[in-house]
């Protein structure tokens, strides 16, 4: 169903079935490819593949983080309107952003909102009482082949991502949003409750299986545990 409701359903499905993770950057692409998901590029390409199978008019798009064009998302044309699905976000960006009007929604105790000006959508993310500019999406469409080529070179071009050399693993699990960030696991519940659990490096494998349901062998040695 290539309607807006159908797009939202697919976005939600992807946040459940395909975690955001930085395993390719930490341990090499071979380990990261052992499970679905990945960084914004991996998750967005997977979404686009499935969306096209469902009949959506969808293409790769990009956004700026801290002034650098390093984030990937999907551009959807639905009933004459343009929406941006940020399915590759490490946070639960579970609704597409319309290009023609500001948008706001809350989930798991956090809020996402947009402002539109000068051919740009500014996306703001608020947790508790702290709001930050998360990204800026140019409304102008770029040739998809250019973005595809940039994705191919993402690990060899010297780009420094916000999660470079850092553990990031997040997904919606059992109705909660769970996010392992370095040595802390954050659990955000639908009622706004937030739980924080300390997870040492040598406990990452256990945490990924216990809290996310993924049994992953990480190439750690005792020398990595300091």
N, C-alpha and C. Protein backbone atom coordinates (compact mmCIF):
# COMPACT_ATOMS: atom_id res chain seq x y z
N UNK A 1 0.86 -1.20 0.00
CA UNK A 1 0.00 0.00 0.00
C UNK A 1 0.89 1.24 0.00
N UNK A 2 0.95 1.96 -1.16
CA UNK A 2 1.85 3.09 -1.28
C UNK A 2 1.20 4.40 -0.86
N UNK A 3 0.57 4.39 0.30
CA UNK A 3 -0.03 5.58 0.89
C UNK A 3 0.86 6.07 2.02
N UNK A 4 0.51 7.21 2.61
CA UNK A 4 1.27 7.72 3.74
C UNK A 4 1.21 6.74 4.91
N UNK A 5 0.03 6.18 5.15
CA UNK A 5 -0.10 5.19 6.23
C UNK A 5 0.79 3.97 5.95
N UNK A 6 0.86 3.58 4.68
CA UNK A 6 1.71 2.45 4.33
C UNK A 6 3.18 2.75 4.55
N UNK A 7 3.60 3.99 4.28
CA UNK A 7 4.99 4.38 4.52
C UNK A 7 5.31 4.38 6.00
N UNK A 8 4.38 4.88 6.80
CA UNK A 8 4.58 4.91 8.26
C UNK A 8 4.68 3.49 8.80
N UNK A 9 3.85 2.62 8.30
CA UNK A 9 3.89 1.21 8.74
C UNK A 9 5.25 0.59 8.43
N UNK A 10 5.80 0.86 7.25
CA UNK A 10 7.09 0.30 6.87
C UNK A 10 8.21 0.91 7.71
N UNK A 11 8.15 2.20 7.99
CA UNK A 11 9.15 2.84 8.84
C UNK A 11 9.18 2.18 10.22
N UNK A 12 8.00 2.00 10.81
CA UNK A 12 7.91 1.37 12.13
C UNK A 12 8.49 -0.04 12.08
N UNK A 13 8.16 -0.77 11.04
CA UNK A 13 8.66 -2.14 10.88
C UNK A 13 10.19 -2.16 10.85
N UNK A 14 10.78 -1.21 10.12
CA UNK A 14 12.24 -1.17 10.00
C UNK A 14 12.91 -0.86 11.33
N UNK A 15 12.29 0.00 12.15
CA UNK A 15 12.89 0.33 13.45
C UNK A 15 12.82 -0.86 14.41
N UNK A 16 11.95 -1.79 14.14
CA UNK A 16 11.85 -3.00 14.97
C UNK A 16 12.78 -4.09 14.45
N UNK A 17 12.81 -4.29 13.15
CA UNK A 17 13.51 -5.44 12.57
C UNK A 17 14.97 -5.17 12.24
N UNK A 18 15.34 -3.91 12.02
CA UNK A 18 16.70 -3.60 11.58
C UNK A 18 17.32 -2.55 12.50
N UNK A 19 18.19 -2.97 13.41
CA UNK A 19 18.77 -2.01 14.35
C UNK A 19 19.74 -1.04 13.68
N UNK A 20 19.83 0.14 14.25
CA UNK A 20 20.92 1.05 13.90
C UNK A 20 22.14 0.58 14.68
N UNK A 21 23.28 0.43 14.00
CA UNK A 21 24.48 0.02 14.73
C UNK A 21 25.75 0.47 14.01
N UNK A 22 26.82 0.57 14.77
CA UNK A 22 28.11 1.02 14.26
C UNK A 22 29.11 -0.13 14.18
N UNK A 23 28.64 -1.37 14.09
CA UNK A 23 29.53 -2.51 14.15
C UNK A 23 30.50 -2.57 12.97
N UNK A 24 30.06 -2.08 11.79
CA UNK A 24 30.97 -2.08 10.64
C UNK A 24 32.18 -1.20 10.91
N UNK A 25 31.93 -0.04 11.50
CA UNK A 25 33.01 0.91 11.76
C UNK A 25 33.92 0.40 12.86
N UNK A 26 33.36 -0.24 13.87
CA UNK A 26 34.15 -0.72 15.00
C UNK A 26 34.97 -1.96 14.66
N UNK A 27 34.37 -2.89 13.91
CA UNK A 27 34.99 -4.20 13.73
C UNK A 27 35.16 -4.62 12.28
N UNK A 28 34.79 -3.78 11.35
CA UNK A 28 34.91 -4.15 9.94
C UNK A 28 33.56 -4.53 9.35
N UNK A 29 33.46 -4.35 8.04
CA UNK A 29 32.18 -4.55 7.37
C UNK A 29 31.71 -6.00 7.41
N UNK A 30 32.64 -6.95 7.49
CA UNK A 30 32.24 -8.35 7.49
C UNK A 30 31.41 -8.70 8.71
N UNK A 31 31.78 -8.16 9.88
CA UNK A 31 31.00 -8.44 11.08
C UNK A 31 29.65 -7.73 11.02
N UNK A 32 29.67 -6.49 10.59
CA UNK A 32 28.43 -5.74 10.55
C UNK A 32 27.41 -6.31 9.59
N UNK A 33 27.88 -7.01 8.56
CA UNK A 33 26.95 -7.56 7.57
C UNK A 33 26.29 -8.85 8.03
N UNK A 34 26.66 -9.33 9.22
CA UNK A 34 26.07 -10.56 9.73
C UNK A 34 24.66 -10.37 10.28
N UNK A 35 24.20 -9.12 10.38
CA UNK A 35 22.86 -8.87 10.86
C UNK A 35 22.28 -7.70 10.08
N UNK A 36 20.96 -7.56 10.07
CA UNK A 36 20.34 -6.45 9.33
C UNK A 36 20.70 -5.10 9.94
N UNK A 37 20.36 -4.06 9.22
CA UNK A 37 20.57 -2.72 9.74
C UNK A 37 21.97 -2.22 9.49
N UNK A 38 22.41 -1.31 10.35
CA UNK A 38 23.71 -0.68 10.19
C UNK A 38 23.59 0.80 10.43
N UNK A 39 24.36 1.58 9.71
CA UNK A 39 24.30 3.02 9.84
C UNK A 39 23.18 3.58 8.96
N UNK A 40 23.11 4.90 8.86
CA UNK A 40 22.00 5.52 8.13
C UNK A 40 21.93 5.06 6.68
N UNK A 41 23.09 4.88 6.05
CA UNK A 41 23.09 4.46 4.64
C UNK A 41 22.50 3.06 4.47
N UNK A 42 22.92 2.13 5.34
CA UNK A 42 22.43 0.75 5.24
C UNK A 42 20.93 0.68 5.47
N UNK A 43 20.48 1.34 6.53
CA UNK A 43 19.06 1.28 6.87
C UNK A 43 18.20 1.96 5.81
N UNK A 44 18.68 3.08 5.30
CA UNK A 44 17.90 3.80 4.30
C UNK A 44 17.80 3.02 2.99
N UNK A 45 18.91 2.42 2.56
CA UNK A 45 18.86 1.62 1.33
C UNK A 45 17.92 0.44 1.48
N UNK A 46 17.92 -0.20 2.65
CA UNK A 46 17.01 -1.32 2.89
C UNK A 46 15.56 -0.85 2.83
N UNK A 47 15.28 0.29 3.43
CA UNK A 47 13.92 0.85 3.39
C UNK A 47 13.51 1.14 1.96
N UNK A 48 14.39 1.75 1.19
CA UNK A 48 14.07 2.11 -0.19
C UNK A 48 13.80 0.86 -1.03
N UNK A 49 14.60 -0.17 -0.84
CA UNK A 49 14.38 -1.42 -1.59
C UNK A 49 12.98 -1.97 -1.32
N UNK A 50 12.59 -2.02 -0.04
CA UNK A 50 11.28 -2.57 0.30
C UNK A 50 10.15 -1.63 -0.12
N UNK A 51 10.38 -0.33 -0.01
CA UNK A 51 9.36 0.64 -0.40
C UNK A 51 9.08 0.55 -1.90
N UNK A 52 10.11 0.38 -2.69
CA UNK A 52 9.92 0.26 -4.14
C UNK A 52 9.16 -1.01 -4.49
N UNK A 53 9.41 -2.07 -3.75
CA UNK A 53 8.67 -3.31 -3.99
C UNK A 53 7.18 -3.12 -3.71
N UNK A 54 6.88 -2.18 -2.82
CA UNK A 54 5.48 -1.89 -2.48
C UNK A 54 4.87 -0.81 -3.37
N UNK A 55 5.63 -0.34 -4.34
CA UNK A 55 5.10 0.61 -5.30
C UNK A 55 5.32 2.07 -4.98
N UNK A 56 6.16 2.38 -4.01
CA UNK A 56 6.40 3.77 -3.66
C UNK A 56 7.35 4.44 -4.66
N UNK A 57 7.12 5.72 -4.86
CA UNK A 57 8.05 6.56 -5.61
C UNK A 57 9.03 7.12 -4.57
N UNK A 58 10.22 6.54 -4.48
CA UNK A 58 11.14 6.86 -3.39
C UNK A 58 12.57 6.88 -3.91
N UNK A 59 13.39 7.73 -3.33
CA UNK A 59 14.79 7.85 -3.76
C UNK A 59 15.66 8.25 -2.58
N UNK A 60 16.97 8.07 -2.76
CA UNK A 60 17.93 8.47 -1.74
C UNK A 60 18.01 9.99 -1.66
N UNK A 61 18.16 10.47 -0.45
CA UNK A 61 18.33 11.90 -0.21
C UNK A 61 19.41 12.04 0.86
N UNK A 62 19.85 13.24 1.12
CA UNK A 62 20.88 13.43 2.14
C UNK A 62 20.55 14.65 3.00
N UNK A 63 21.22 14.71 4.15
CA UNK A 63 20.99 15.81 5.08
C UNK A 63 22.32 16.21 5.73
N UNK A 64 22.31 17.39 6.32
CA UNK A 64 23.50 17.93 6.96
C UNK A 64 23.42 17.74 8.47
N UNK A 65 24.52 17.27 9.06
CA UNK A 65 24.68 17.21 10.51
C UNK A 65 25.90 18.04 10.86
N UNK A 66 25.71 19.03 11.71
CA UNK A 66 26.81 19.94 12.07
C UNK A 66 27.46 20.54 10.84
N UNK A 67 26.64 20.86 9.85
CA UNK A 67 27.14 21.52 8.66
C UNK A 67 27.78 20.62 7.62
N UNK A 68 27.78 19.31 7.87
CA UNK A 68 28.39 18.37 6.92
C UNK A 68 27.32 17.46 6.33
N UNK A 69 27.38 17.25 5.04
CA UNK A 69 26.36 16.44 4.35
C UNK A 69 26.73 14.96 4.47
N UNK A 70 26.43 14.38 5.64
CA UNK A 70 26.89 13.02 5.93
C UNK A 70 25.74 12.08 6.31
N UNK A 71 24.51 12.55 6.27
CA UNK A 71 23.39 11.71 6.69
C UNK A 71 22.52 11.36 5.49
N UNK A 72 22.00 10.12 5.48
CA UNK A 72 21.17 9.65 4.37
C UNK A 72 19.76 9.36 4.85
N UNK A 73 18.79 9.69 4.03
CA UNK A 73 17.39 9.41 4.31
C UNK A 73 16.66 9.19 2.99
N UNK A 74 15.38 8.88 3.07
CA UNK A 74 14.61 8.55 1.88
C UNK A 74 13.63 9.68 1.55
N UNK A 75 13.55 10.01 0.28
CA UNK A 75 12.62 11.03 -0.21
C UNK A 75 11.43 10.31 -0.84
N UNK A 76 10.25 10.56 -0.33
CA UNK A 76 9.02 9.90 -0.78
C UNK A 76 8.10 10.90 -1.46
N UNK A 77 7.56 10.51 -2.61
CA UNK A 77 6.53 11.30 -3.28
C UNK A 77 5.20 10.55 -3.11
N UNK A 78 4.30 11.15 -2.34
CA UNK A 78 3.02 10.51 -2.04
C UNK A 78 1.88 11.49 -2.29
N UNK A 79 1.03 11.15 -3.22
CA UNK A 79 -0.16 11.98 -3.53
C UNK A 79 0.22 13.44 -3.79
N UNK A 80 1.28 13.65 -4.55
CA UNK A 80 1.69 14.99 -4.92
C UNK A 80 2.46 15.75 -3.86
N UNK A 81 2.76 15.10 -2.75
CA UNK A 81 3.52 15.74 -1.68
C UNK A 81 4.85 15.01 -1.50
N UNK A 82 5.84 15.73 -0.96
CA UNK A 82 7.16 15.15 -0.70
C UNK A 82 7.34 14.99 0.80
N UNK A 83 7.79 13.80 1.20
CA UNK A 83 8.08 13.50 2.60
C UNK A 83 9.50 12.94 2.70
N UNK A 84 10.10 13.09 3.88
CA UNK A 84 11.43 12.54 4.11
C UNK A 84 11.36 11.54 5.26
N UNK A 85 11.69 10.28 4.94
CA UNK A 85 11.68 9.21 5.95
C UNK A 85 13.10 9.06 6.49
N UNK A 86 13.26 9.37 7.75
CA UNK A 86 14.59 9.32 8.37
C UNK A 86 14.77 7.98 9.08
N UNK A 87 14.57 6.90 8.35
CA UNK A 87 14.61 5.56 8.93
C UNK A 87 16.02 5.16 9.35
N UNK A 88 17.04 5.88 8.87
CA UNK A 88 18.41 5.57 9.24
C UNK A 88 18.90 6.29 10.48
N UNK A 89 18.00 6.97 11.16
CA UNK A 89 18.37 7.68 12.39
C UNK A 89 18.63 6.69 13.52
N UNK A 90 19.61 7.01 14.37
CA UNK A 90 19.84 6.19 15.55
C UNK A 90 18.77 6.37 16.60
N UNK A 91 18.05 7.46 16.53
CA UNK A 91 16.91 7.74 17.41
C UNK A 91 15.61 7.36 16.69
N UNK A 92 14.50 7.23 17.44
CA UNK A 92 13.26 6.70 16.83
C UNK A 92 12.49 7.74 16.00
N UNK A 93 13.04 8.05 14.83
CA UNK A 93 12.38 8.97 13.90
C UNK A 93 11.34 8.18 13.11
N UNK A 94 10.20 7.93 13.74
CA UNK A 94 9.25 6.94 13.22
C UNK A 94 8.14 7.52 12.36
N UNK A 95 8.17 8.83 12.09
CA UNK A 95 7.20 9.43 11.18
C UNK A 95 7.94 10.24 10.12
N UNK A 96 7.48 10.20 8.87
CA UNK A 96 8.14 10.99 7.82
C UNK A 96 7.85 12.47 7.98
N UNK A 97 8.82 13.28 7.60
CA UNK A 97 8.68 14.74 7.70
C UNK A 97 8.13 15.30 6.40
N UNK A 98 7.01 16.02 6.43
CA UNK A 98 6.50 16.64 5.20
C UNK A 98 7.37 17.83 4.81
N UNK A 99 7.47 18.06 3.51
CA UNK A 99 8.30 19.16 3.01
C UNK A 99 7.56 20.48 2.94
N UNK A 100 6.23 20.42 3.10
CA UNK A 100 5.43 21.61 2.86
C UNK A 100 4.81 22.23 4.11
N UNK A 101 5.08 21.66 5.27
CA UNK A 101 4.54 22.23 6.51
C UNK A 101 5.33 21.73 7.70
N UNK A 102 5.44 22.54 8.77
CA UNK A 102 6.13 22.08 9.97
C UNK A 102 5.42 20.87 10.57
N UNK A 103 6.18 20.07 11.28
CA UNK A 103 5.64 18.82 11.81
C UNK A 103 6.22 18.59 13.20
N UNK A 104 5.42 18.01 14.09
CA UNK A 104 5.88 17.71 15.44
C UNK A 104 5.21 16.43 15.93
N UNK A 105 5.96 15.60 16.63
CA UNK A 105 5.38 14.42 17.26
C UNK A 105 6.25 14.00 18.44
N UNK A 106 5.66 13.24 19.34
CA UNK A 106 6.37 12.74 20.51
C UNK A 106 6.25 11.22 20.57
N UNK A 107 7.30 10.59 21.06
CA UNK A 107 7.31 9.14 21.25
C UNK A 107 8.40 8.80 22.26
N UNK A 108 8.15 7.81 23.08
CA UNK A 108 9.13 7.31 24.04
C UNK A 108 9.72 8.43 24.91
N UNK A 109 8.90 9.41 25.24
CA UNK A 109 9.33 10.48 26.11
C UNK A 109 10.20 11.53 25.46
N UNK A 110 10.29 11.52 24.13
CA UNK A 110 11.09 12.52 23.41
C UNK A 110 10.25 13.13 22.30
N UNK A 111 10.68 14.27 21.80
CA UNK A 111 9.91 15.01 20.79
C UNK A 111 10.79 15.35 19.59
N UNK A 112 10.21 15.20 18.41
CA UNK A 112 10.83 15.63 17.16
C UNK A 112 9.97 16.73 16.56
N UNK A 113 10.57 17.77 16.05
CA UNK A 113 9.80 18.82 15.38
C UNK A 113 10.63 19.42 14.25
N UNK A 114 9.96 20.02 13.28
CA UNK A 114 10.65 20.63 12.14
C UNK A 114 10.28 22.09 11.98
N UNK A 115 11.19 22.83 11.39
CA UNK A 115 10.96 24.19 10.92
C UNK A 115 11.39 24.23 9.46
N UNK A 116 10.69 25.01 8.65
CA UNK A 116 11.00 25.09 7.23
C UNK A 116 11.30 26.53 6.84
N UNK A 117 12.46 26.75 6.22
CA UNK A 117 12.83 28.08 5.75
C UNK A 117 13.98 27.97 4.77
N UNK A 118 14.02 28.87 3.79
CA UNK A 118 15.14 28.96 2.85
C UNK A 118 15.49 27.61 2.23
N UNK A 119 14.47 26.91 1.75
CA UNK A 119 14.68 25.64 1.06
C UNK A 119 15.32 24.58 1.96
N UNK A 120 15.07 24.68 3.26
CA UNK A 120 15.69 23.78 4.21
C UNK A 120 14.69 23.38 5.29
N UNK A 121 14.71 22.09 5.66
CA UNK A 121 13.95 21.61 6.81
C UNK A 121 14.94 21.42 7.96
N UNK A 122 14.72 22.10 9.06
CA UNK A 122 15.54 21.93 10.25
C UNK A 122 14.80 21.00 11.20
N UNK A 123 15.46 19.92 11.61
CA UNK A 123 14.86 18.91 12.48
C UNK A 123 15.45 19.05 13.88
N UNK A 124 14.57 19.21 14.87
CA UNK A 124 14.99 19.36 16.26
C UNK A 124 14.54 18.15 17.06
N UNK A 125 15.41 17.72 17.97
CA UNK A 125 15.16 16.54 18.79
C UNK A 125 15.28 16.95 20.26
N UNK A 126 14.23 16.66 21.02
CA UNK A 126 14.22 17.04 22.43
C UNK A 126 14.08 15.81 23.31
N UNK A 127 14.98 15.67 24.30
CA UNK A 127 14.90 14.65 25.34
C UNK A 127 14.87 15.36 26.67
N UNK A 128 13.85 15.06 27.48
CA UNK A 128 13.62 15.77 28.73
C UNK A 128 13.53 17.26 28.43
N UNK A 129 14.39 18.10 28.99
CA UNK A 129 14.26 19.54 28.76
C UNK A 129 15.34 20.08 27.83
N UNK A 130 16.05 19.20 27.15
CA UNK A 130 17.13 19.64 26.27
C UNK A 130 16.78 19.36 24.82
N UNK A 131 16.76 20.43 24.02
CA UNK A 131 16.47 20.30 22.60
C UNK A 131 17.70 20.67 21.79
N UNK A 132 17.99 19.87 20.75
CA UNK A 132 19.13 20.12 19.89
C UNK A 132 18.71 20.06 18.43
N UNK A 133 19.41 20.85 17.61
CA UNK A 133 19.24 20.74 16.16
C UNK A 133 19.87 19.42 15.74
N UNK A 134 19.07 18.51 15.21
CA UNK A 134 19.58 17.18 14.86
C UNK A 134 20.15 17.14 13.45
N UNK A 135 19.45 17.78 12.51
CA UNK A 135 19.91 17.75 11.12
C UNK A 135 19.20 18.83 10.32
N UNK A 136 19.73 19.09 9.13
CA UNK A 136 19.12 20.01 8.18
C UNK A 136 18.99 19.31 6.84
N UNK A 137 17.77 19.29 6.33
CA UNK A 137 17.47 18.58 5.08
C UNK A 137 17.24 19.61 3.97
N UNK A 138 18.08 19.60 2.95
CA UNK A 138 17.86 20.45 1.79
C UNK A 138 16.66 19.92 1.00
N UNK A 139 15.77 20.79 0.61
CA UNK A 139 14.61 20.36 -0.16
C UNK A 139 14.97 20.03 -1.61
N UNK A 140 16.03 20.63 -2.11
CA UNK A 140 16.45 20.37 -3.49
C UNK A 140 16.94 18.94 -3.63
N UNK A 141 16.48 18.27 -4.68
CA UNK A 141 16.84 16.87 -4.90
C UNK A 141 18.17 16.77 -5.64
N UNK A 142 19.03 15.87 -5.17
CA UNK A 142 20.29 15.58 -5.84
C UNK A 142 20.17 14.30 -6.66
N UNK A 143 20.98 14.13 -7.70
CA UNK A 143 20.98 12.86 -8.44
C UNK A 143 21.31 11.71 -7.50
N UNK A 144 20.50 10.67 -7.56
CA UNK A 144 20.69 9.55 -6.65
C UNK A 144 22.05 8.88 -6.85
N UNK A 145 22.55 8.84 -8.07
CA UNK A 145 23.82 8.16 -8.34
C UNK A 145 24.95 8.84 -7.59
N UNK A 146 24.88 10.16 -7.40
CA UNK A 146 25.92 10.86 -6.65
C UNK A 146 25.95 10.39 -5.20
N UNK A 147 24.78 10.23 -4.62
CA UNK A 147 24.70 9.80 -3.22
C UNK A 147 25.15 8.34 -3.10
N UNK A 148 24.78 7.51 -4.06
CA UNK A 148 25.21 6.11 -4.05
C UNK A 148 26.73 6.01 -4.08
N UNK A 149 27.36 6.83 -4.91
CA UNK A 149 28.82 6.80 -5.00
C UNK A 149 29.46 7.28 -3.69
N UNK A 150 28.85 8.25 -3.05
CA UNK A 150 29.37 8.72 -1.76
C UNK A 150 29.25 7.62 -0.70
N UNK A 151 28.17 6.86 -0.74
CA UNK A 151 28.00 5.77 0.21
C UNK A 151 29.07 4.71 0.00
N UNK A 152 29.41 4.42 -1.24
CA UNK A 152 30.44 3.42 -1.53
C UNK A 152 31.78 3.80 -0.92
N UNK A 153 32.04 5.10 -0.82
CA UNK A 153 33.34 5.57 -0.31
C UNK A 153 33.28 6.00 1.14
N UNK A 154 32.19 5.71 1.84
CA UNK A 154 32.00 6.30 3.17
C UNK A 154 33.04 5.87 4.19
N UNK A 155 33.58 4.65 4.07
CA UNK A 155 34.55 4.18 5.05
C UNK A 155 36.00 4.43 4.63
N UNK A 156 36.19 4.97 3.43
CA UNK A 156 37.54 5.20 2.93
C UNK A 156 37.82 6.65 2.58
N UNK A 157 36.83 7.52 2.77
CA UNK A 157 36.98 8.92 2.35
C UNK A 157 37.47 9.83 3.47
N UNK A 158 37.70 9.28 4.65
CA UNK A 158 38.18 10.10 5.76
C UNK A 158 37.09 10.84 6.51
N UNK A 159 35.82 10.54 6.20
CA UNK A 159 34.72 11.19 6.90
C UNK A 159 34.67 10.73 8.36
N UNK A 160 34.55 11.69 9.26
CA UNK A 160 34.40 11.39 10.68
C UNK A 160 32.93 11.54 11.05
N UNK A 161 32.30 10.43 11.43
CA UNK A 161 30.90 10.45 11.82
C UNK A 161 30.78 10.67 13.33
N UNK A 162 29.62 11.10 13.81
CA UNK A 162 29.45 11.29 15.26
C UNK A 162 29.67 10.01 16.06
N UNK A 163 29.50 8.85 15.40
CA UNK A 163 29.65 7.57 16.10
C UNK A 163 30.94 6.84 15.70
N UNK A 164 31.86 7.51 15.03
CA UNK A 164 33.12 6.88 14.66
C UNK A 164 33.85 6.40 15.91
N UNK A 165 34.27 5.14 15.91
CA UNK A 165 34.99 4.52 17.04
C UNK A 165 34.15 4.44 18.30
N UNK A 166 32.83 4.45 18.16
CA UNK A 166 31.95 4.39 19.33
C UNK A 166 30.88 3.33 19.11
N UNK A 167 30.52 2.65 20.18
CA UNK A 167 29.44 1.68 20.11
C UNK A 167 28.10 2.40 20.03
N UNK A 168 27.35 2.06 19.01
CA UNK A 168 25.98 2.54 18.87
C UNK A 168 25.13 1.34 18.42
N UNK A 169 24.06 1.07 19.14
CA UNK A 169 23.16 -0.01 18.77
C UNK A 169 21.78 0.36 19.32
N UNK A 170 20.81 0.54 18.43
CA UNK A 170 19.49 0.96 18.90
C UNK A 170 18.39 0.33 18.06
N UNK A 171 17.24 0.15 18.68
CA UNK A 171 16.08 -0.42 17.99
C UNK A 171 14.86 -0.30 18.91
N UNK A 172 13.70 -0.47 18.32
CA UNK A 172 12.47 -0.60 19.11
C UNK A 172 12.31 -2.08 19.43
N UNK A 173 12.26 -2.39 20.72
CA UNK A 173 12.17 -3.77 21.19
C UNK A 173 11.07 -3.87 22.23
N UNK A 174 10.11 -4.75 21.99
CA UNK A 174 9.01 -4.98 22.94
C UNK A 174 8.33 -3.68 23.36
N UNK A 175 8.12 -2.81 22.40
CA UNK A 175 7.41 -1.57 22.65
C UNK A 175 8.24 -0.49 23.33
N UNK A 176 9.53 -0.73 23.52
CA UNK A 176 10.44 0.24 24.11
C UNK A 176 11.49 0.64 23.09
N UNK A 177 12.06 1.84 23.25
CA UNK A 177 13.20 2.21 22.43
C UNK A 177 14.45 2.01 23.28
N UNK A 178 15.36 1.17 22.78
CA UNK A 178 16.57 0.82 23.52
C UNK A 178 17.79 1.26 22.73
N UNK A 179 18.74 1.86 23.45
CA UNK A 179 19.90 2.47 22.79
C UNK A 179 21.15 2.21 23.64
N UNK A 180 22.05 1.39 23.10
CA UNK A 180 23.35 1.16 23.73
C UNK A 180 24.33 2.19 23.16
N UNK A 181 24.76 3.10 24.01
CA UNK A 181 25.69 4.16 23.62
C UNK A 181 26.95 4.01 24.47
N UNK A 182 28.01 3.50 23.84
CA UNK A 182 29.25 3.23 24.55
C UNK A 182 28.98 2.30 25.73
N UNK A 183 29.18 2.74 26.94
CA UNK A 183 29.03 1.85 28.09
C UNK A 183 27.76 2.15 28.90
N UNK A 184 26.76 2.69 28.22
CA UNK A 184 25.47 2.92 28.87
C UNK A 184 24.34 2.45 27.97
N UNK A 185 23.41 1.73 28.54
CA UNK A 185 22.21 1.32 27.82
C UNK A 185 21.05 2.18 28.33
N UNK A 186 20.38 2.85 27.39
CA UNK A 186 19.23 3.69 27.73
C UNK A 186 17.96 2.98 27.23
N UNK A 187 16.98 2.90 28.10
CA UNK A 187 15.69 2.33 27.74
C UNK A 187 14.63 3.42 27.90
N UNK A 188 13.96 3.75 26.81
CA UNK A 188 12.92 4.78 26.80
C UNK A 188 11.58 4.08 26.62
N UNK A 189 10.70 4.28 27.56
CA UNK A 189 9.42 3.59 27.54
C UNK A 189 8.31 4.51 27.02
N UNK A 190 7.21 3.94 26.51
CA UNK A 190 6.14 4.76 25.94
C UNK A 190 5.56 5.80 26.91
N UNK A 191 5.59 5.50 28.21
CA UNK A 191 5.04 6.44 29.19
C UNK A 191 6.00 7.56 29.56
N UNK A 192 7.17 7.60 28.89
CA UNK A 192 8.14 8.65 29.16
C UNK A 192 9.21 8.26 30.18
N UNK A 193 9.04 7.11 30.81
CA UNK A 193 10.04 6.66 31.78
C UNK A 193 11.35 6.33 31.06
N UNK A 194 12.47 6.70 31.70
CA UNK A 194 13.79 6.43 31.15
C UNK A 194 14.60 5.63 32.15
N UNK A 195 15.20 4.54 31.68
CA UNK A 195 16.04 3.68 32.52
C UNK A 195 17.45 3.70 31.95
N UNK A 196 18.43 3.78 32.83
CA UNK A 196 19.83 3.78 32.40
C UNK A 196 20.57 2.64 33.09
N UNK A 197 21.30 1.85 32.29
CA UNK A 197 22.03 0.70 32.80
C UNK A 197 23.48 0.78 32.34
N UNK A 198 24.42 0.62 33.26
CA UNK A 198 25.83 0.62 32.90
C UNK A 198 26.19 -0.73 32.28
N UNK A 199 26.83 -0.69 31.11
CA UNK A 199 27.22 -1.91 30.40
C UNK A 199 28.70 -1.77 30.00
N UNK A 200 29.58 -2.47 30.71
CA UNK A 200 31.00 -2.43 30.38
C UNK A 200 31.25 -3.08 29.02
N UNK A 201 32.40 -2.77 28.40
CA UNK A 201 32.71 -3.31 27.08
C UNK A 201 32.64 -4.83 27.06
N UNK A 202 33.12 -5.47 28.13
CA UNK A 202 33.12 -6.92 28.12
C UNK A 202 31.74 -7.52 28.36
N UNK A 203 30.73 -6.64 28.50
CA UNK A 203 29.34 -7.09 28.65
C UNK A 203 28.49 -6.75 27.43
N UNK A 204 29.10 -6.19 26.39
CA UNK A 204 28.33 -5.78 25.22
C UNK A 204 27.63 -6.97 24.55
N UNK A 205 28.33 -8.07 24.39
CA UNK A 205 27.71 -9.24 23.76
C UNK A 205 26.48 -9.69 24.54
N UNK A 206 26.61 -9.74 25.85
CA UNK A 206 25.50 -10.16 26.71
C UNK A 206 24.34 -9.19 26.57
N UNK A 207 24.63 -7.89 26.58
CA UNK A 207 23.58 -6.88 26.49
C UNK A 207 22.86 -6.93 25.15
N UNK A 208 23.60 -7.15 24.06
CA UNK A 208 22.97 -7.21 22.74
C UNK A 208 22.01 -8.38 22.64
N UNK A 209 22.36 -9.48 23.26
CA UNK A 209 21.46 -10.64 23.24
C UNK A 209 20.29 -10.45 24.20
N UNK A 210 20.57 -9.96 25.41
CA UNK A 210 19.53 -9.85 26.43
C UNK A 210 18.51 -8.76 26.11
N UNK A 211 18.97 -7.61 25.64
CA UNK A 211 18.08 -6.47 25.47
C UNK A 211 17.60 -6.25 24.03
N UNK A 212 18.33 -6.85 23.06
CA UNK A 212 17.96 -6.65 21.66
C UNK A 212 17.62 -7.96 20.93
N UNK A 213 17.99 -9.09 21.54
CA UNK A 213 17.68 -10.37 20.92
C UNK A 213 18.64 -10.80 19.82
N UNK A 214 19.82 -10.16 19.74
CA UNK A 214 20.80 -10.50 18.73
C UNK A 214 22.02 -11.14 19.38
N UNK A 215 22.33 -12.37 18.97
CA UNK A 215 23.52 -13.06 19.48
C UNK A 215 24.66 -12.79 18.51
N UNK A 216 25.61 -11.96 18.94
CA UNK A 216 26.68 -11.49 18.06
C UNK A 216 28.02 -11.74 18.75
N UNK A 217 28.94 -12.36 18.04
CA UNK A 217 30.27 -12.58 18.56
C UNK A 217 31.14 -11.38 18.21
N UNK A 218 31.57 -10.65 19.24
CA UNK A 218 32.42 -9.49 19.03
C UNK A 218 33.88 -9.88 19.22
N UNK A 219 34.76 -9.41 18.37
CA UNK A 219 36.18 -9.82 18.42
C UNK A 219 36.95 -9.09 19.51
N UNK A 220 36.53 -9.30 20.74
CA UNK A 220 37.22 -8.68 21.87
C UNK A 220 38.33 -9.58 22.39
N UNK A 221 39.30 -8.99 23.00
CA UNK A 221 40.29 -9.71 23.81
C UNK A 221 40.35 -9.01 25.15
N UNK A 222 41.00 -9.64 26.12
CA UNK A 222 41.09 -9.04 27.44
C UNK A 222 41.79 -7.69 27.40
N UNK A 223 42.65 -7.48 26.37
CA UNK A 223 43.36 -6.22 26.28
C UNK A 223 42.44 -5.05 25.97
N UNK A 224 41.24 -5.35 25.46
CA UNK A 224 40.30 -4.28 25.11
C UNK A 224 39.46 -3.82 26.29
N UNK A 225 39.59 -4.45 27.43
CA UNK A 225 38.63 -4.20 28.48
C UNK A 225 39.01 -3.06 29.42
N UNK A 226 40.15 -2.42 29.20
CA UNK A 226 40.50 -1.32 30.11
C UNK A 226 39.82 -0.04 29.71
